[in-house]
Structures are given as structure tokens and as C-alpha cells.
């Protein structure tokens, strides 16, 4: 079956997560993503979260599905010549190297568009390529700090807290995909490529815009709220059976949401409170709010988090179990939606990875394992540059591939 991005070729210079999550999404949607790696070490992400022997890390396996890998030394003249052959036939070059690294290799946009005027250069940088912070290197926690995520997270009166998930990395990658698709669409009209740039800080600021918007009215940065919402009843995490560290149910059933509040009180067996104006809407009554939250937790402690989610959810209450990693990997709903899939990796064997979160009715995704380093070097160099086995051997001897 045809894929949405069939025929689109991505020359992938990305590493770690912010860039690789972008090109992985492009690969899932059908693009031919050719991952260019240093021939002896590869993407540094291969050795993150070390595993026995020389096997690739689970970190790498989660970010590079559906790609082809080519070992190519871009610090050699011959390596750059081969790279330019790929650029001539490509649509996108994607990179998230350190500031100035692409230019130092002689592969800046002016050079690339001279090789192929239609090429789109997608660039991910911690703070962009211009502005006072542009020379500062970044990783996900740095971007989260710079974009407001840490100051938005934590308990009231407590210190800023880093969110546990990598929104600064993968969040930036998804923003970049949007930019690439827009540039591809515009190219149909202009016939020219362009630079797509996404700063990790910018991406996190975009995620933070609702949290910070009250500053426009108050001129005071909003306080941290923890898991609740200003002390309101029916919002937050509530302990559940059997009482483990991840055994909680999260609810959002504020009184002013009407039917949801009614459904929540009815489900926990306290519908009589609806007849009392204070409990029917305790928004302005902190003591009543605390009392109701205690009633909710008394109920949730009688149920596992999955049971509570099912019972409250079926009653119309917005809620969820607090899923830990094990819950996610084995959840039947996520499995049915192919958000968790099992792949057969040539070295690691059967291995669970997240699938594609974007579901296109006419472009289904079959997740394939992340490639071994240089697994497609001969195939790609033959296809794009006409390099035969004898020439490939010479290039290997010269440490070009």
C-alpha cells in the first residue's frame, strides 16, 4: 500500500532524540529516511543507557525505527562527495548537530542548495541559529528550563521540577515535522527549498503558552499548582488500591462542570451532597473541598486504579489511572491501537517499542526495527551513487565508509 510520504527522501544527520524523533515520524509516514552515521561509532544514542556487549541501546531502538543506516565519514573529501550525491536526489536534509558544526563540515545551506536548489534543510538547535543564546548547547532538561516547563511544574511553594518526559526533545522533533511538511507543500508552488529551523526553547515555550498567559493580566508569574487546581475539589491524584507508589487515579471533575460533578458524586455514593449548596459547588469553600476530596479518596482506595478508571470513566467522569511504564507496555487499549508493538530486532530479539501515534486511514504504519550501524551502506551507495562492491572496499580501506 502507498504511504503518505512515498517518494520523499530524507538525508538524516540527526542524533540523540530531538532530531531522530523528527525523522522517525517522517519514516513512519512513508519517507525514505537515510541515516548518515560516523562509520565506527555511529549515532551517540546507540551507546546511551549501556547494554551488554556492543548491542544498540533501547534508547536508540526507540527513536530510529523504519530508517536505513549508512556509515559515511563526512570529514573526508570523498565522504562529502558521496553525501552530495545523496543531496542531489534528496528532498530534506535534517540535522541537530552542535551550533556551527554543519558549516564546519562544509555542508551549510548555501552549499546544499547549490547542489540541489529544491533541498529543504531542517535544523534543530537548543536556542536557534541566531539570538543572544544561540551558541549555548542544549539537552532536553535545558530546553525545558528555558521554555518554562520547570517553573510550571511542582508543588505550591516548592522548587521548580523537571517533568519526567522529554518534551524538549521529542516535542521539538514534532514541531520540526510540521515545518518540513509545510516547506514541502510550499515547494510545490515555488519550486525551491528553504530552511526549517526549530529551537528547542521555542518549542517548549509553545507548549507553555497556556500556563504563562495569565501574566498578561496580573504581571505576576503563575504559581506552581502541583497535581490539583487551586484547591478545587474533584481535581488531582487520589490514592488507589493496593497502595503502591504508582497506584493513583487522576480526576478532573470540578463542580462547575455540572454533569461531570454529578456523575462523580453519584458514582462514589455521595449523591445526597448535591442537595447542599455548599457541596453542590464548593469552589468558594476550601473546607468543603478538602472534605469532598477525602470522600473521593476513601472511594478510590477501595478500587485498583484500572477499576476506578473504568467505573468513573463509564459514568462520564474525565479520569485516568496513573500509568507507569509497565502499565503502558502491557495495556490492552494501547496494544489494540498499535501504540505499543513488538518488533524482532536482529540482535535484541523480540523488543517492545512505541508505535506511530498518528493514524492515517490510507497509510497504515508497520514498525520495523532500528537499523544496525551501516546496515544499508552498500545498498544506498549503489542506489544513489552507482558504487559497486570493489569501489566500496576501497572506500572502507580509506575509512570513508
Foldseek 3Di string as FASTA:
>chain_A
DAFPAAQAEEEEAEAQFQQLLLVVLVLQRPYAYEYEAAQPCGGVQQCPPHDPDNGGDVSLFQRFWNYHFAHFDLQDPVSVVLVLLCLLSHAEYEYADAQPPCVVSVNDPVVSCVSPQRHEYEYEAQAWNDDPCRNPHDDQQVLCVLQCVQQQEDAFPDGRDGPPDRCLRSLSSVVSNVVSVVQVVVCVVVVGYYYHYTHSNNSSNVVCCVQQVCCVVVVDRDHHHYQADPLFAFAGWAAAPPRDPQFTKGFDQALVVPQLVCLLCVLLPNNVLCVPVCLSHVPVPNVSRVVRNVSSNVSRHHHTQVVVCVSSVVSPTDMHRRDDPVCCQPPPVQVVVQQWDWEQDPPPGTDIYGDNPDDDPVRHGDIYTRDDHNPCNQVVCCVRPVDHPVNVVVCVVVSRD
